[in-house]
Amino acid sequence: MNQIEKIKYFFVNHGFNVSTRIADKFGIRVGNVRLFFIYLSFATLGLSFILYLMFAFGIRIKDIFFQKRPSVFDL
């Protein structure tokens, strides 16, 4: 078995059973756990995009209120 097959085998046996193990621990369906992870990923992506827009808006407002004045040497 080559190295890539060993890595693939490791992730299949240990990585893909995460949602099943969590569902068994809490006594809920596996589909609900997977759906929760999907919703959580969309929420975190949306949160970062909203923060980006807020920072861009704040910088734009700062530039409006604090305009750079020409110095004496620019005249």
PDB file of N, CA and C in Angstrom:
ATOM      1  N   MET A   1       0.859  -1.179   0.000  1.00  0.00           N
ATOM      2  CA  MET A   1       0.000   0.000   0.000  1.00  0.00           C
ATOM      3  C   MET A   1       0.903   1.240   0.000  1.00  0.00           C
ATOM      4  N   ASN A   2       0.670   2.142  -0.937  1.00  0.00           N
ATOM      5  CA  ASN A   2       1.529   3.322  -0.984  1.00  0.00           C
ATOM      6  C   ASN A   2       1.071   4.367   0.041  1.00  0.00           C
ATOM      7  N   GLN A   3       1.819   5.427   0.144  1.00  0.00           N
ATOM      8  CA  GLN A   3       1.602   6.441   1.181  1.00  0.00           C
ATOM      9  C   GLN A   3       0.257   7.139   1.022  1.00  0.00           C
ATOM     10  N   ILE A   4      -0.152   7.431  -0.203  1.00  0.00           N
ATOM     11  CA  ILE A   4      -1.420   8.132  -0.426  1.00  0.00           C
ATOM     12  C   ILE A   4      -2.595   7.257  -0.011  1.00  0.00           C
ATOM     13  N   GLU A   5      -2.518   5.978  -0.289  1.00  0.00           N
ATOM     14  CA  GLU A   5      -3.575   5.062   0.124  1.00  0.00           C
ATOM     15  C   GLU A   5      -3.665   4.961   1.643  1.00  0.00           C
ATOM     16  N   LYS A   6      -2.527   5.006   2.326  1.00  0.00           N
ATOM     17  CA  LYS A   6      -2.529   4.966   3.784  1.00  0.00           C
ATOM     18  C   LYS A   6      -3.187   6.207   4.366  1.00  0.00           C
ATOM     19  N   ILE A   7      -2.875   7.365   3.777  1.00  0.00           N
ATOM     20  CA  ILE A   7      -3.491   8.622   4.241  1.00  0.00           C
ATOM     21  C   ILE A   7      -4.993   8.590   3.997  1.00  0.00           C
ATOM     22  N   LYS A   8      -5.395   8.124   2.820  1.00  0.00           N
ATOM     23  CA  LYS A   8      -6.816   8.035   2.498  1.00  0.00           C
ATOM     24  C   LYS A   8      -7.521   7.080   3.459  1.00  0.00           C
ATOM     25  N   TYR A   9      -6.928   5.953   3.734  1.00  0.00           N
ATOM     26  CA  TYR A   9      -7.502   4.973   4.648  1.00  0.00           C
ATOM     27  C   TYR A   9      -7.647   5.552   6.063  1.00  0.00           C
ATOM     28  N   PHE A  10      -6.640   6.323   6.501  1.00  0.00           N
ATOM     29  CA  PHE A  10      -6.701   6.950   7.823  1.00  0.00           C
ATOM     30  C   PHE A  10      -7.879   7.911   7.923  1.00  0.00           C
ATOM     31  N   PHE A  11      -8.041   8.774   6.906  1.00  0.00           N
ATOM     32  CA  PHE A  11      -9.128   9.752   6.960  1.00  0.00           C
ATOM     33  C   PHE A  11     -10.498   9.100   6.823  1.00  0.00           C
ATOM     34  N   VAL A  12     -10.589   8.038   6.047  1.00  0.00           N
ATOM     35  CA  VAL A  12     -11.868   7.344   5.925  1.00  0.00           C
ATOM     36  C   VAL A  12     -12.253   6.717   7.257  1.00  0.00           C
ATOM     37  N   ASN A  13     -11.299   6.121   7.952  1.00  0.00           N
ATOM     38  CA  ASN A  13     -11.612   5.444   9.213  1.00  0.00           C
ATOM     39  C   ASN A  13     -11.767   6.396  10.389  1.00  0.00           C
ATOM     40  N   HIS A  14     -11.028   7.492  10.415  1.00  0.00           N
ATOM     41  CA  HIS A  14     -11.047   8.361  11.588  1.00  0.00           C
ATOM     42  C   HIS A  14     -11.733   9.706  11.362  1.00  0.00           C
ATOM     43  N   GLY A  15     -11.697  10.207  10.167  1.00  0.00           N
ATOM     44  CA  GLY A  15     -12.211  11.552   9.927  1.00  0.00           C
ATOM     45  C   GLY A  15     -13.672  11.625   9.572  1.00  0.00           C
ATOM     46  N   PHE A  16     -14.185  10.646   8.857  1.00  0.00           N
ATOM     47  CA  PHE A  16     -15.545  10.737   8.365  1.00  0.00           C
ATOM     48  C   PHE A  16     -16.577  10.242   9.366  1.00  0.00           C
ATOM     49  N   ASN A  17     -16.159   9.736  10.481  1.00  0.00           N
ATOM     50  CA  ASN A  17     -17.096   9.271  11.499  1.00  0.00           C
ATOM     51  C   ASN A  17     -17.364  10.318  12.569  1.00  0.00           C
ATOM     52  N   VAL A  18     -16.939  11.537  12.341  1.00  0.00           N
ATOM     53  CA  VAL A  18     -17.094  12.583  13.356  1.00  0.00           C
ATOM     54  C   VAL A  18     -18.564  12.871  13.617  1.00  0.00           C
ATOM     55  N   SER A  19     -19.331  13.098  12.566  1.00  0.00           N
ATOM     56  CA  SER A  19     -20.742  13.426  12.776  1.00  0.00           C
ATOM     57  C   SER A  19     -21.512  12.242  13.352  1.00  0.00           C
ATOM     58  N   THR A  20     -21.139  11.028  12.976  1.00  0.00           N
ATOM     59  CA  THR A  20     -21.792   9.846  13.531  1.00  0.00           C
ATOM     60  C   THR A  20     -21.506   9.708  15.017  1.00  0.00           C
ATOM     61  N   ARG A  21     -20.270   9.933  15.412  1.00  0.00           N
ATOM     62  CA  ARG A  21     -19.911   9.819  16.825  1.00  0.00           C
ATOM     63  C   ARG A  21     -20.574  10.901  17.665  1.00  0.00           C
ATOM     64  N   ILE A  22     -20.646  12.135  17.108  1.00  0.00           N
ATOM     65  CA  ILE A  22     -21.323  13.219  17.840  1.00  0.00           C
ATOM     66  C   ILE A  22     -22.808  12.905  17.992  1.00  0.00           C
ATOM     67  N   ALA A  23     -23.426  12.408  16.922  1.00  0.00           N
ATOM     68  CA  ALA A  23     -24.850  12.072  16.982  1.00  0.00           C
ATOM     69  C   ALA A  23     -25.105  10.955  17.983  1.00  0.00           C
ATOM     70  N   ASP A  24     -24.244   9.953  18.015  1.00  0.00           N
ATOM     71  CA  ASP A  24     -24.407   8.870  18.987  1.00  0.00           C
ATOM     72  C   ASP A  24     -24.239   9.370  20.416  1.00  0.00           C
ATOM     73  N   LYS A  25     -23.317  10.288  20.617  1.00  0.00           N
ATOM     74  CA  LYS A  25     -23.066  10.799  21.960  1.00  0.00           C
ATOM     75  C   LYS A  25     -24.262  11.577  22.502  1.00  0.00           C
ATOM     76  N   PHE A  26     -24.889  12.402  21.642  1.00  0.00           N
ATOM     77  CA  PHE A  26     -26.012  13.222  22.082  1.00  0.00           C
ATOM     78  C   PHE A  26     -27.370  12.579  21.838  1.00  0.00           C
ATOM     79  N   GLY A  27     -27.382  11.446  21.137  1.00  0.00           N
ATOM     80  CA  GLY A  27     -28.639  10.748  20.911  1.00  0.00           C
ATOM     81  C   GLY A  27     -29.540  11.409  19.892  1.00  0.00           C
ATOM     82  N   ILE A  28     -28.959  12.017  18.858  1.00  0.00           N
ATOM     83  CA  ILE A  28     -29.749  12.647  17.808  1.00  0.00           C
ATOM     84  C   ILE A  28     -29.397  12.011  16.473  1.00  0.00           C
ATOM     85  N   ARG A  29     -30.129  12.382  15.430  1.00  0.00           N
ATOM     86  CA  ARG A  29     -29.885  11.799  14.118  1.00  0.00           C
ATOM     87  C   ARG A  29     -28.646  12.409  13.475  1.00  0.00           C
ATOM     88  N   VAL A  30     -27.974  11.610  12.664  1.00  0.00           N
ATOM     89  CA  VAL A  30     -26.745  12.042  11.997  1.00  0.00           C
ATOM     90  C   VAL A  30     -27.046  13.166  11.002  1.00  0.00           C
ATOM     91  N   GLY A  31     -28.191  13.095  10.343  1.00  0.00           N
ATOM     92  CA  GLY A  31     -28.568  14.131   9.380  1.00  0.00           C
ATOM     93  C   GLY A  31     -28.682  15.501  10.012  1.00  0.00           C
ATOM     94  N   ASN A  32     -29.179  15.543  11.239  1.00  0.00           N
ATOM     95  CA  ASN A  32     -29.290  16.827  11.941  1.00  0.00           C
ATOM     96  C   ASN A  32     -27.921  17.408  12.262  1.00  0.00           C
ATOM     97  N   VAL A  33     -26.976  16.556  12.630  1.00  0.00           N
ATOM     98  CA  VAL A  33     -25.629  17.034  12.932  1.00  0.00           C
ATOM     99  C   VAL A  33     -24.960  17.572  11.671  1.00  0.00           C
ATOM    100  N   ARG A  34     -25.101  16.856  10.565  1.00  0.00           N
ATOM    101  CA  ARG A  34     -24.513  17.320   9.301  1.00  0.00           C
ATOM    102  C   ARG A  34     -25.147  18.630   8.859  1.00  0.00           C
ATOM    103  N   LEU A  35     -26.459  18.734   9.007  1.00  0.00           N
ATOM    104  CA  LEU A  35     -27.155  19.973   8.650  1.00  0.00           C
ATOM    105  C   LEU A  35     -26.695  21.131   9.526  1.00  0.00           C
ATOM    106  N   PHE A  36     -26.448  20.872  10.809  1.00  0.00           N
ATOM    107  CA  PHE A  36     -25.934  21.902  11.702  1.00  0.00           C
ATOM    108  C   PHE A  36     -24.570  22.401  11.235  1.00  0.00           C
ATOM    109  N   PHE A  37     -23.679  21.484  10.833  1.00  0.00           N
ATOM    110  CA  PHE A  37     -22.361  21.884  10.348  1.00  0.00           C
ATOM    111  C   PHE A  37     -22.471  22.712   9.067  1.00  0.00           C
ATOM    112  N   ILE A  38     -23.396  22.363   8.190  1.00  0.00           N
ATOM    113  CA  ILE A  38     -23.592  23.130   6.953  1.00  0.00           C
ATOM    114  C   ILE A  38     -24.082  24.531   7.280  1.00  0.00           C
ATOM    115  N   TYR A  39     -25.091  24.651   8.149  1.00  0.00           N
ATOM    116  CA  TYR A  39     -25.596  25.966   8.537  1.00  0.00           C
ATOM    117  C   TYR A  39     -24.530  26.793   9.247  1.00  0.00           C
ATOM    118  N   LEU A  40     -23.732  26.151  10.075  1.00  0.00           N
ATOM    119  CA  LEU A  40     -22.672  26.855  10.786  1.00  0.00           C
ATOM    120  C   LEU A  40     -21.628  27.404   9.822  1.00  0.00           C
ATOM    121  N   SER A  41     -21.301  26.648   8.798  1.00  0.00           N
ATOM    122  CA  SER A  41     -20.318  27.136   7.822  1.00  0.00           C
ATOM    123  C   SER A  41     -20.870  28.328   7.043  1.00  0.00           C
ATOM    124  N   PHE A  42     -22.160  28.305   6.691  1.00  0.00           N
ATOM    125  CA  PHE A  42     -22.752  29.460   6.009  1.00  0.00           C
ATOM    126  C   PHE A  42     -22.805  30.675   6.930  1.00  0.00           C
ATOM    127  N   ALA A  43     -23.096  30.457   8.195  1.00  0.00           N
ATOM    128  CA  ALA A  43     -23.186  31.572   9.143  1.00  0.00           C
ATOM    129  C   ALA A  43     -21.827  32.221   9.343  1.00  0.00           C
ATOM    130  N   THR A  44     -20.778  31.423   9.457  1.00  0.00           N
ATOM    131  CA  THR A  44     -19.457  32.010   9.665  1.00  0.00           C
ATOM    132  C   THR A  44     -18.973  32.728   8.425  1.00  0.00           C
ATOM    133  N   LEU A  45     -19.306  32.217   7.250  1.00  0.00           N
ATOM    134  CA  LEU A  45     -18.934  32.903   6.011  1.00  0.00           C
ATOM    135  C   LEU A  45     -19.680  34.226   5.916  1.00  0.00           C
ATOM    136  N   GLY A  46     -20.952  34.218   6.249  1.00  0.00           N
ATOM    137  CA  GLY A  46     -21.742  35.442   6.210  1.00  0.00           C
ATOM    138  C   GLY A  46     -21.271  36.463   7.225  1.00  0.00           C
ATOM    139  N   LEU A  47     -20.871  35.998   8.399  1.00  0.00           N
ATOM    140  CA  LEU A  47     -20.386  36.897   9.437  1.00  0.00           C
ATOM    141  C   LEU A  47     -19.106  37.597   9.004  1.00  0.00           C
ATOM    142  N   SER A  48     -18.196  36.874   8.389  1.00  0.00           N
ATOM    143  CA  SER A  48     -16.951  37.500   7.944  1.00  0.00           C
ATOM    144  C   SER A  48     -17.220  38.515   6.835  1.00  0.00           C
ATOM    145  N   PHE A  49     -18.166  38.221   5.945  1.00  0.00           N
ATOM    146  CA  PHE A  49     -18.498  39.165   4.876  1.00  0.00           C
ATOM    147  C   PHE A  49     -19.138  40.428   5.443  1.00  0.00           C
ATOM    148  N   ILE A  50     -19.989  40.273   6.445  1.00  0.00           N
ATOM    149  CA  ILE A  50     -20.628  41.437   7.077  1.00  0.00           C
ATOM    150  C   ILE A  50     -19.584  42.292   7.792  1.00  0.00           C
ATOM    151  N   LEU A  51     -18.635  41.651   8.487  1.00  0.00           N
ATOM    152  CA  LEU A  51     -17.556  42.406   9.137  1.00  0.00           C
ATOM    153  C   LEU A  51     -16.715  43.156   8.114  1.00  0.00           C
ATOM    154  N   TYR A  52     -16.442  42.522   6.984  1.00  0.00           N
ATOM    155  CA  TYR A  52     -15.694  43.185   5.915  1.00  0.00           C
ATOM    156  C   TYR A  52     -16.433  44.432   5.434  1.00  0.00           C
ATOM    157  N   LEU A  53     -17.725  44.330   5.210  1.00  0.00           N
ATOM    158  CA  LEU A  53     -18.499  45.481   4.752  1.00  0.00           C
ATOM    159  C   LEU A  53     -18.536  46.586   5.801  1.00  0.00           C
ATOM    160  N   MET A  54     -18.627  46.220   7.076  1.00  0.00           N
ATOM    161  CA  MET A  54     -18.635  47.233   8.134  1.00  0.00           C
ATOM    162  C   MET A  54     -17.300  47.969   8.196  1.00  0.00           C
ATOM    163  N   PHE A  55     -16.192  47.248   8.086  1.00  0.00           N
ATOM    164  CA  PHE A  55     -14.879  47.898   8.092  1.00  0.00           C
ATOM    165  C   PHE A  55     -14.705  48.807   6.884  1.00  0.00           C
ATOM    166  N   ALA A  56     -15.146  48.353   5.711  1.00  0.00           N
ATOM    167  CA  ALA A  56     -15.030  49.175   4.507  1.00  0.00           C
ATOM    168  C   ALA A  56     -15.878  50.443   4.648  1.00  0.00           C
ATOM    169  N   PHE A  57     -17.070  50.308   5.204  1.00  0.00           N
ATOM    170  CA  PHE A  57     -17.934  51.464   5.409  1.00  0.00           C
ATOM    171  C   PHE A  57     -17.307  52.425   6.418  1.00  0.00           C
ATOM    172  N   GLY A  58     -16.724  51.891   7.488  1.00  0.00           N
ATOM    173  CA  GLY A  58     -16.074  52.737   8.500  1.00  0.00           C
ATOM    174  C   GLY A  58     -14.893  53.500   7.934  1.00  0.00           C
ATOM    175  N   ILE A  59     -14.100  52.841   7.109  1.00  0.00           N
ATOM    176  CA  ILE A  59     -12.956  53.524   6.488  1.00  0.00           C
ATOM    177  C   ILE A  59     -13.443  54.608   5.540  1.00  0.00           C
ATOM    178  N   ARG A  60     -14.524  54.335   4.817  1.00  0.00           N
ATOM    179  CA  ARG A  60     -15.077  55.336   3.895  1.00  0.00           C
ATOM    180  C   ARG A  60     -15.580  56.561   4.671  1.00  0.00           C
ATOM    181  N   ILE A  61     -16.264  56.335   5.790  1.00  0.00           N
ATOM    182  CA  ILE A  61     -16.755  57.445   6.615  1.00  0.00           C
ATOM    183  C   ILE A  61     -15.584  58.228   7.197  1.00  0.00           C
ATOM    184  N   LYS A  62     -14.551  57.526   7.647  1.00  0.00           N
ATOM    185  CA  LYS A  62     -13.373  58.198   8.196  1.00  0.00           C
ATOM    186  C   LYS A  62     -12.731  59.091   7.130  1.00  0.00           C
ATOM    187  N   ASP A  63     -12.649  58.605   5.904  1.00  0.00           N
ATOM    188  CA  ASP A  63     -12.061  59.402   4.831  1.00  0.00           C
ATOM    189  C   ASP A  63     -12.900  60.637   4.508  1.00  0.00           C
ATOM    190  N   ILE A  64     -14.201  60.528   4.670  1.00  0.00           N
ATOM    191  CA  ILE A  64     -15.063  61.679   4.406  1.00  0.00           C
ATOM    192  C   ILE A  64     -14.864  62.756   5.469  1.00  0.00           C
ATOM    193  N   PHE A  65     -14.828  62.356   6.731  1.00  0.00           N
ATOM    194  CA  PHE A  65     -14.713  63.326   7.810  1.00  0.00           C
ATOM    195  C   PHE A  65     -13.299  63.857   8.000  1.00  0.00           C
ATOM    196  N   PHE A  66     -12.320  63.037   7.791  1.00  0.00           N
ATOM    197  CA  PHE A  66     -10.930  63.443   7.984  1.00  0.00           C
ATOM    198  C   PHE A  66     -10.212  63.481   6.647  1.00  0.00           C
ATOM    199  N   GLN A  67     -10.523  64.495   5.866  1.00  0.00           N
ATOM    200  CA  GLN A  67      -9.889  64.625   4.563  1.00  0.00           C
ATOM    201  C   GLN A  67      -8.455  65.102   4.740  1.00  0.00           C
ATOM    202  N   LYS A  68      -7.585  64.624   3.878  1.00  0.00           N
ATOM    203  CA  LYS A  68      -6.195  65.024   3.961  1.00  0.00           C
ATOM    204  C   LYS A  68      -6.066  66.447   3.417  1.00  0.00           C
ATOM    205  N   ARG A  69      -5.529  67.304   4.204  1.00  0.00           N
ATOM    206  CA  ARG A  69      -5.347  68.695   3.807  1.00  0.00           C
ATOM    207  C   ARG A  69      -4.048  68.832   3.034  1.00  0.00           C
ATOM    208  N   PRO A  70      -4.050  69.626   2.015  1.00  0.00           N
ATOM    209  CA  PRO A  70      -2.791  69.861   1.285  1.00  0.00           C
ATOM    210  C   PRO A  70      -1.800  70.607   2.177  1.00  0.00           C
ATOM    211  N   SER A  71      -0.589  70.215   2.102  1.00  0.00           N
ATOM    212  CA  SER A  71       0.424  70.876   2.925  1.00  0.00           C
ATOM    213  C   SER A  71       0.920  72.139   2.214  1.00  0.00           C
ATOM    214  N   VAL A  72       1.717  72.890   2.895  1.00  0.00           N
ATOM    215  CA  VAL A  72       2.282  74.119   2.352  1.00  0.00           C
ATOM    216  C   VAL A  72       3.181  73.793   1.150  1.00  0.00           C
ATOM    217  N   PHE A  73       3.830  72.662   1.186  1.00  0.00           N
ATOM    218  CA  PHE A  73       4.766  72.305   0.121  1.00  0.00           C
ATOM    219  C   PHE A  73       4.076  71.830  -1.145  1.00  0.00           C
ATOM    220  N   ASP A  74       2.759  71.470  -1.066  1.00  0.00           N
ATOM    221  CA  ASP A  74       2.040  71.024  -2.250  1.00  0.00           C
ATOM    222  C   ASP A  74       1.545  72.195  -3.090  1.00  0.00           C
ATOM    223  N   LEU A  75       1.537  73.399  -2.544  1.00  0.00           N
ATOM    224  CA  LEU A  75       1.045  74.558  -3.285  1.00  0.00           C
ATOM    225  C   LEU A  75       2.033  74.980  -4.296  1.00  0.00           C
TER     226      LEU A  75
END
